[in-house]
């Protein structure tokens, strides 16, 4: 199997298969066609997907920073470790944008009370 991003002939068949999958996904979710199929990303695992989603959400929110230049994220105290570890890397200064996080509790049903947010 070739790398679908390669320009040699070993990459052309995998590239066609990935683009077919992208078009199938667009059809499945009944999306209007998009110009650039590469805007649909496939990841290797859930943690990678979570990290990409958090990164893109933070980058698209940079206009909402506070007076100290920080974004504020609200999460729960039962969040999956993949999420908390990713958020912690933005808190600790390893990644930008910098964030602060509020962790709200959940009740016995796993629900957040609006008064806690």
Foldseek 3Di string as FASTA:
>chain_A
DDPCVDPDPVNVVVVVVVLVVLVVVCVVVVHDDDDDSPVDDDDDDDLVVLLVVVVVVQVVCQVVADPVSAAEEEEEPPDDPSNVVSLVCLCVPNDPDHYDYDYFYADPVRHGDPVRD
